[in-house]
């Protein structure tokens, strides 16, 4: 999942109060006007560990520096609350937002984005959505 330009970010929000642990990683892709992608930078520095909250959006992948784009490579979030929550992931260019995914997570469910695929795994390790 790529951010098309250096003005976009990926954020998340919840439909109710809750602090969910979230881990995401991405790569930065160097671009040059008129030449497209030049190379990809892969570093461990591009891993974020954060916590969602039920009151404000949380940035998962921030905007990139000029002439670089970011590509989300993995995302993991676990519902550690005692009830079901709706987790929404969306892109934001500072003016407009666009939902990428909105999914209900029961207590103990884990949402995963890896290898270009979404999955929800329940607390017993059973795949609910693939």
N, C-alpha and C. Protein backbone atom coordinates (compact mmCIF):
# COMPACT_ATOMS: atom_id res chain seq x y z
N UNK A 1 0.85 -1.16 0.00
CA UNK A 1 0.00 0.00 0.00
C UNK A 1 0.90 1.23 0.00
N UNK A 2 0.84 1.99 -1.05
CA UNK A 2 1.76 3.12 -1.21
C UNK A 2 1.06 4.46 -1.07
N UNK A 3 1.78 5.42 -0.53
CA UNK A 3 1.32 6.80 -0.50
C UNK A 3 1.83 7.45 -1.77
N UNK A 4 0.93 7.98 -2.57
CA UNK A 4 1.26 8.45 -3.91
C UNK A 4 2.16 9.67 -3.94
N UNK A 5 2.16 10.49 -2.91
CA UNK A 5 3.01 11.67 -2.91
C UNK A 5 3.38 12.06 -1.49
N UNK A 6 4.21 13.10 -1.36
CA UNK A 6 4.74 13.47 -0.05
C UNK A 6 3.79 14.33 0.79
N UNK A 7 2.53 14.46 0.36
CA UNK A 7 1.56 15.19 1.18
C UNK A 7 0.62 14.26 1.93
N UNK A 8 0.69 12.97 1.63
CA UNK A 8 -0.26 12.02 2.22
C UNK A 8 0.33 11.28 3.42
N UNK A 9 -0.56 10.93 4.34
CA UNK A 9 -0.20 10.10 5.48
C UNK A 9 -1.28 9.05 5.66
N UNK A 10 -0.99 8.03 6.45
CA UNK A 10 -1.97 7.01 6.79
C UNK A 10 -2.25 7.15 8.28
N UNK A 11 -3.53 7.24 8.61
CA UNK A 11 -3.95 7.41 10.00
C UNK A 11 -4.99 6.36 10.35
N UNK A 12 -5.25 6.24 11.65
CA UNK A 12 -6.28 5.32 12.09
C UNK A 12 -7.13 5.97 13.18
N UNK A 13 -8.32 5.40 13.37
CA UNK A 13 -9.22 5.88 14.41
C UNK A 13 -10.08 4.71 14.89
N UNK A 14 -10.64 4.87 16.07
CA UNK A 14 -11.54 3.88 16.66
C UNK A 14 -12.91 4.50 16.81
N UNK A 15 -13.94 3.65 16.89
CA UNK A 15 -15.30 4.16 17.08
C UNK A 15 -15.66 4.33 18.55
N UNK A 16 -14.77 3.93 19.46
CA UNK A 16 -15.04 4.03 20.89
C UNK A 16 -13.71 4.16 21.62
N UNK A 17 -13.79 4.47 22.91
CA UNK A 17 -12.57 4.60 23.71
C UNK A 17 -11.84 3.27 23.76
N UNK A 18 -10.53 3.34 23.66
CA UNK A 18 -9.70 2.14 23.72
C UNK A 18 -8.30 2.46 23.26
N UNK A 19 -7.33 1.87 23.93
CA UNK A 19 -5.93 2.06 23.57
C UNK A 19 -5.40 0.73 23.06
N UNK A 20 -5.28 0.60 21.75
CA UNK A 20 -4.84 -0.64 21.13
C UNK A 20 -3.39 -0.52 20.68
N UNK A 21 -2.55 -1.53 20.98
CA UNK A 21 -1.17 -1.50 20.49
C UNK A 21 -1.14 -1.70 18.98
N UNK A 22 -0.29 -0.93 18.32
CA UNK A 22 -0.20 -0.97 16.86
C UNK A 22 1.27 -0.93 16.46
N UNK A 23 1.63 -1.79 15.52
CA UNK A 23 2.98 -1.81 14.96
C UNK A 23 2.87 -1.74 13.45
N UNK A 24 3.66 -0.88 12.84
CA UNK A 24 3.64 -0.74 11.39
C UNK A 24 5.06 -0.55 10.88
N UNK A 25 5.31 -0.98 9.66
CA UNK A 25 6.61 -0.73 9.03
C UNK A 25 6.37 -0.29 7.60
N UNK A 26 7.34 0.44 7.08
CA UNK A 26 7.25 0.93 5.71
C UNK A 26 8.63 1.14 5.13
N UNK A 27 8.67 1.32 3.82
CA UNK A 27 9.91 1.67 3.14
C UNK A 27 9.71 3.02 2.49
N UNK A 28 10.80 3.74 2.33
CA UNK A 28 10.78 5.00 1.59
C UNK A 28 11.34 4.74 0.20
N UNK A 29 10.66 5.25 -0.78
CA UNK A 29 11.07 5.09 -2.17
C UNK A 29 11.49 6.46 -2.68
N UNK A 30 12.74 6.55 -3.17
CA UNK A 30 13.25 7.81 -3.72
C UNK A 30 12.71 7.97 -5.13
N UNK A 31 12.17 9.14 -5.42
CA UNK A 31 11.67 9.42 -6.76
C UNK A 31 12.33 10.70 -7.28
N UNK A 32 12.40 10.80 -8.58
CA UNK A 32 12.89 12.02 -9.22
C UNK A 32 11.86 12.44 -10.25
N UNK A 33 11.52 13.73 -10.28
CA UNK A 33 10.54 14.18 -11.27
C UNK A 33 10.96 13.77 -12.68
N UNK A 34 10.03 13.13 -13.39
CA UNK A 34 10.30 12.71 -14.76
C UNK A 34 10.99 11.36 -14.88
N UNK A 35 11.53 10.84 -13.75
CA UNK A 35 12.23 9.57 -13.80
C UNK A 35 11.51 8.47 -13.03
N UNK A 36 10.56 8.83 -12.15
CA UNK A 36 9.85 7.83 -11.37
C UNK A 36 10.70 7.30 -10.24
N UNK A 37 10.52 6.03 -9.92
CA UNK A 37 11.22 5.40 -8.80
C UNK A 37 12.70 5.23 -9.13
N UNK A 38 13.56 5.65 -8.22
CA UNK A 38 15.00 5.50 -8.40
C UNK A 38 15.51 4.32 -7.57
N UNK A 39 15.16 4.28 -6.29
CA UNK A 39 15.57 3.16 -5.44
C UNK A 39 14.72 3.13 -4.19
N UNK A 40 14.75 2.01 -3.50
CA UNK A 40 14.00 1.86 -2.24
C UNK A 40 14.99 1.82 -1.09
N UNK A 41 14.64 2.48 -0.02
CA UNK A 41 15.46 2.47 1.19
C UNK A 41 14.78 1.55 2.21
N UNK A 42 15.48 0.54 2.66
CA UNK A 42 14.93 -0.37 3.67
C UNK A 42 15.76 -0.20 4.94
N UNK A 43 15.15 0.33 5.97
CA UNK A 43 15.86 0.46 7.23
C UNK A 43 14.93 0.14 8.39
N UNK A 44 15.50 -0.34 9.49
CA UNK A 44 14.71 -0.64 10.68
C UNK A 44 14.15 0.63 11.31
N UNK A 45 14.69 1.79 10.97
CA UNK A 45 14.22 3.05 11.54
C UNK A 45 12.79 3.36 11.09
N UNK A 46 12.29 2.64 10.12
CA UNK A 46 10.97 2.91 9.60
C UNK A 46 9.93 1.94 10.16
N UNK A 47 10.04 1.67 11.45
CA UNK A 47 9.07 0.86 12.17
C UNK A 47 8.49 1.73 13.26
N UNK A 48 7.17 1.74 13.39
CA UNK A 48 6.53 2.56 14.42
C UNK A 48 5.77 1.66 15.39
N UNK A 49 5.92 1.94 16.65
CA UNK A 49 5.15 1.29 17.71
C UNK A 49 4.33 2.39 18.36
N UNK A 50 3.03 2.28 18.32
CA UNK A 50 2.18 3.33 18.87
C UNK A 50 0.95 2.72 19.50
N UNK A 51 0.08 3.56 20.00
CA UNK A 51 -1.16 3.12 20.61
C UNK A 51 -2.29 3.97 20.07
N UNK A 52 -3.37 3.33 19.68
CA UNK A 52 -4.54 4.07 19.23
C UNK A 52 -5.27 4.64 20.44
N UNK A 53 -6.22 5.52 20.17
CA UNK A 53 -7.09 6.00 21.24
C UNK A 53 -8.46 6.25 20.64
N UNK A 54 -9.45 6.38 21.46
CA UNK A 54 -10.81 6.53 20.97
C UNK A 54 -11.23 7.97 20.76
N UNK A 55 -10.32 8.92 20.90
CA UNK A 55 -10.71 10.33 20.82
C UNK A 55 -10.13 11.08 19.64
N UNK A 56 -8.91 10.76 19.22
CA UNK A 56 -8.28 11.49 18.12
C UNK A 56 -7.64 10.52 17.13
N UNK A 57 -7.50 10.93 15.87
CA UNK A 57 -6.78 10.09 14.91
C UNK A 57 -5.31 9.92 15.32
N UNK A 58 -4.75 8.78 14.98
CA UNK A 58 -3.35 8.48 15.27
C UNK A 58 -2.64 8.25 13.94
N UNK A 59 -1.49 8.90 13.76
CA UNK A 59 -0.71 8.73 12.53
C UNK A 59 0.03 7.41 12.56
N UNK A 60 -0.18 6.60 11.54
CA UNK A 60 0.50 5.31 11.39
C UNK A 60 1.75 5.49 10.54
N UNK A 61 1.61 6.13 9.39
CA UNK A 61 2.73 6.46 8.51
C UNK A 61 2.61 7.94 8.17
N UNK A 62 3.58 8.71 8.60
CA UNK A 62 3.55 10.15 8.37
C UNK A 62 3.94 10.52 6.95
N UNK A 63 3.82 11.79 6.63
CA UNK A 63 4.21 12.26 5.30
C UNK A 63 5.71 12.08 5.10
N UNK A 64 6.10 11.90 3.88
CA UNK A 64 7.51 11.66 3.57
C UNK A 64 8.20 12.97 3.18
N UNK A 65 9.53 12.98 3.22
CA UNK A 65 10.27 14.15 2.73
C UNK A 65 10.04 14.32 1.22
N UNK A 66 10.38 15.48 0.70
CA UNK A 66 10.22 15.74 -0.73
C UNK A 66 10.97 14.70 -1.57
N UNK A 67 10.40 14.36 -2.69
CA UNK A 67 10.95 13.39 -3.65
C UNK A 67 11.11 11.99 -3.06
N UNK A 68 10.29 11.69 -2.07
CA UNK A 68 10.23 10.34 -1.51
C UNK A 68 8.78 9.98 -1.26
N UNK A 69 8.44 8.74 -1.49
CA UNK A 69 7.12 8.20 -1.19
C UNK A 69 7.30 7.08 -0.18
N UNK A 70 6.26 6.80 0.56
CA UNK A 70 6.31 5.72 1.54
C UNK A 70 5.35 4.62 1.14
N UNK A 71 5.79 3.38 1.40
CA UNK A 71 4.97 2.21 1.11
C UNK A 71 4.85 1.39 2.39
N UNK A 72 3.62 1.23 2.85
CA UNK A 72 3.36 0.42 4.04
C UNK A 72 3.65 -1.04 3.72
N UNK A 73 4.48 -1.69 4.52
CA UNK A 73 4.83 -3.10 4.28
C UNK A 73 4.16 -4.04 5.27
N UNK A 74 3.86 -3.54 6.48
CA UNK A 74 3.14 -4.38 7.44
C UNK A 74 2.44 -3.52 8.47
N UNK A 75 1.36 -4.06 9.01
CA UNK A 75 0.61 -3.39 10.07
C UNK A 75 -0.02 -4.47 10.93
N UNK A 76 0.10 -4.33 12.24
CA UNK A 76 -0.51 -5.25 13.18
C UNK A 76 -1.16 -4.45 14.30
N UNK A 77 -2.41 -4.72 14.57
CA UNK A 77 -3.11 -4.08 15.68
C UNK A 77 -3.95 -5.13 16.38
N UNK A 78 -3.93 -5.11 17.72
CA UNK A 78 -4.65 -6.11 18.52
C UNK A 78 -5.68 -5.40 19.39
N UNK A 79 -6.90 -5.93 19.41
CA UNK A 79 -7.92 -5.40 20.31
C UNK A 79 -7.71 -5.99 21.70
N UNK A 80 -7.18 -5.19 22.59
CA UNK A 80 -6.90 -5.63 23.96
C UNK A 80 -7.96 -5.14 24.94
N UNK A 81 -9.06 -4.58 24.41
CA UNK A 81 -10.14 -4.11 25.28
C UNK A 81 -11.09 -5.25 25.59
N UNK A 82 -12.05 -5.00 26.45
CA UNK A 82 -13.00 -6.04 26.85
C UNK A 82 -14.19 -6.16 25.91
N UNK A 83 -14.23 -5.35 24.86
CA UNK A 83 -15.37 -5.41 23.95
C UNK A 83 -14.96 -5.24 22.51
N UNK A 84 -15.95 -5.23 21.63
CA UNK A 84 -15.72 -5.06 20.20
C UNK A 84 -15.52 -3.59 19.85
N UNK A 85 -14.62 -3.32 18.93
CA UNK A 85 -14.34 -1.97 18.45
C UNK A 85 -14.28 -1.99 16.93
N UNK A 86 -14.56 -0.87 16.31
CA UNK A 86 -14.35 -0.73 14.88
C UNK A 86 -13.08 0.09 14.66
N UNK A 87 -12.14 -0.51 13.95
CA UNK A 87 -10.86 0.11 13.63
C UNK A 87 -10.93 0.58 12.18
N UNK A 88 -10.62 1.85 11.95
CA UNK A 88 -10.65 2.40 10.60
C UNK A 88 -9.27 2.94 10.25
N UNK A 89 -8.77 2.53 9.11
CA UNK A 89 -7.50 3.00 8.57
C UNK A 89 -7.82 3.87 7.36
N UNK A 90 -7.20 5.05 7.26
CA UNK A 90 -7.52 5.95 6.15
C UNK A 90 -6.32 6.77 5.73
N UNK A 91 -6.37 7.27 4.49
CA UNK A 91 -5.33 8.17 4.00
C UNK A 91 -5.79 9.61 4.21
N UNK A 92 -4.82 10.51 4.40
CA UNK A 92 -5.11 11.91 4.68
C UNK A 92 -4.08 12.76 3.95
N UNK A 93 -4.56 13.69 3.11
CA UNK A 93 -3.62 14.58 2.42
C UNK A 93 -3.63 15.99 3.00
N UNK A 94 -4.22 16.13 4.18
CA UNK A 94 -4.29 17.43 4.84
C UNK A 94 -5.58 18.16 4.54
N UNK A 95 -6.26 17.77 3.47
CA UNK A 95 -7.54 18.37 3.11
C UNK A 95 -8.64 17.31 3.04
N UNK A 96 -8.32 16.20 2.39
CA UNK A 96 -9.30 15.13 2.18
C UNK A 96 -8.84 13.85 2.86
N UNK A 97 -9.82 13.06 3.30
CA UNK A 97 -9.52 11.74 3.84
C UNK A 97 -10.25 10.70 3.01
N UNK A 98 -9.68 9.49 2.99
CA UNK A 98 -10.30 8.39 2.24
C UNK A 98 -10.08 7.10 3.03
N UNK A 99 -11.18 6.44 3.38
CA UNK A 99 -11.07 5.18 4.12
C UNK A 99 -10.39 4.12 3.28
N UNK A 100 -9.46 3.42 3.90
CA UNK A 100 -8.78 2.29 3.27
C UNK A 100 -9.45 1.00 3.72
N UNK A 101 -9.76 0.93 5.02
CA UNK A 101 -10.34 -0.27 5.61
C UNK A 101 -11.05 0.10 6.90
N UNK A 102 -12.20 -0.50 7.14
CA UNK A 102 -12.90 -0.35 8.41
C UNK A 102 -13.37 -1.74 8.80
N UNK A 103 -12.96 -2.20 9.98
CA UNK A 103 -13.26 -3.57 10.37
C UNK A 103 -13.58 -3.65 11.86
N UNK A 104 -14.56 -4.49 12.20
CA UNK A 104 -14.90 -4.72 13.61
C UNK A 104 -13.93 -5.75 14.17
N UNK A 105 -13.36 -5.43 15.32
CA UNK A 105 -12.43 -6.33 15.99
C UNK A 105 -13.02 -6.72 17.34
N UNK A 106 -13.26 -7.99 17.54
CA UNK A 106 -13.72 -8.49 18.84
C UNK A 106 -12.54 -8.50 19.81
N UNK A 107 -12.84 -8.65 21.07
CA UNK A 107 -11.79 -8.74 22.09
C UNK A 107 -10.80 -9.84 21.71
N UNK A 108 -9.52 -9.48 21.63
CA UNK A 108 -8.47 -10.45 21.31
C UNK A 108 -8.16 -10.60 19.83
N UNK A 109 -8.98 -10.04 18.96
CA UNK A 109 -8.72 -10.12 17.52
C UNK A 109 -7.48 -9.31 17.14
N UNK A 110 -6.77 -9.80 16.13
CA UNK A 110 -5.63 -9.07 15.59
C UNK A 110 -5.86 -8.81 14.10
N UNK A 111 -5.71 -7.54 13.71
CA UNK A 111 -5.76 -7.17 12.29
C UNK A 111 -4.33 -7.14 11.78
N UNK A 112 -4.12 -7.76 10.61
CA UNK A 112 -2.78 -7.82 10.02
C UNK A 112 -2.82 -7.36 8.57
N UNK A 113 -1.80 -6.60 8.18
CA UNK A 113 -1.54 -6.29 6.77
C UNK A 113 -0.10 -6.75 6.54
N UNK A 114 0.08 -7.78 5.75
CA UNK A 114 1.42 -8.28 5.46
C UNK A 114 1.40 -8.94 4.09
N UNK A 115 2.47 -8.77 3.36
CA UNK A 115 2.61 -9.36 2.03
C UNK A 115 1.43 -9.00 1.12
N UNK A 116 0.93 -7.78 1.28
CA UNK A 116 -0.13 -7.29 0.42
C UNK A 116 -1.51 -7.83 0.71
N UNK A 117 -1.72 -8.45 1.88
CA UNK A 117 -3.02 -9.04 2.19
C UNK A 117 -3.46 -8.65 3.59
N UNK A 118 -4.79 -8.49 3.74
CA UNK A 118 -5.40 -8.24 5.04
C UNK A 118 -5.84 -9.56 5.65
N UNK A 119 -5.78 -9.65 6.97
CA UNK A 119 -6.31 -10.80 7.69
C UNK A 119 -6.73 -10.36 9.08
N UNK A 120 -7.77 -10.99 9.61
CA UNK A 120 -8.15 -10.83 11.01
C UNK A 120 -8.04 -12.21 11.64
N UNK A 121 -7.27 -12.28 12.71
CA UNK A 121 -7.02 -13.53 13.43
C UNK A 121 -7.66 -13.41 14.81
N UNK A 122 -8.44 -14.42 15.24
CA UNK A 122 -9.05 -14.33 16.56
C UNK A 122 -8.05 -14.71 17.64
N UNK A 123 -8.48 -14.60 18.90
CA UNK A 123 -7.56 -14.84 20.03
C UNK A 123 -7.06 -16.29 20.12
N UNK A 124 -7.70 -17.20 19.39
CA UNK A 124 -7.27 -18.59 19.37
C UNK A 124 -6.40 -18.92 18.15
N UNK A 125 -6.10 -17.91 17.35
CA UNK A 125 -5.24 -18.10 16.19
C UNK A 125 -5.99 -18.50 14.93
N UNK A 126 -7.33 -18.52 14.98
CA UNK A 126 -8.12 -18.88 13.82
C UNK A 126 -8.35 -17.67 12.94
N UNK A 127 -8.15 -17.85 11.64
CA UNK A 127 -8.33 -16.79 10.67
C UNK A 127 -9.83 -16.55 10.47
N UNK A 128 -10.27 -15.31 10.74
CA UNK A 128 -11.68 -14.95 10.59
C UNK A 128 -11.94 -14.32 9.22
N UNK A 129 -11.03 -13.44 8.81
CA UNK A 129 -11.15 -12.76 7.52
C UNK A 129 -9.80 -12.84 6.84
N UNK A 130 -9.80 -13.25 5.59
CA UNK A 130 -8.54 -13.34 4.85
C UNK A 130 -8.68 -12.64 3.53
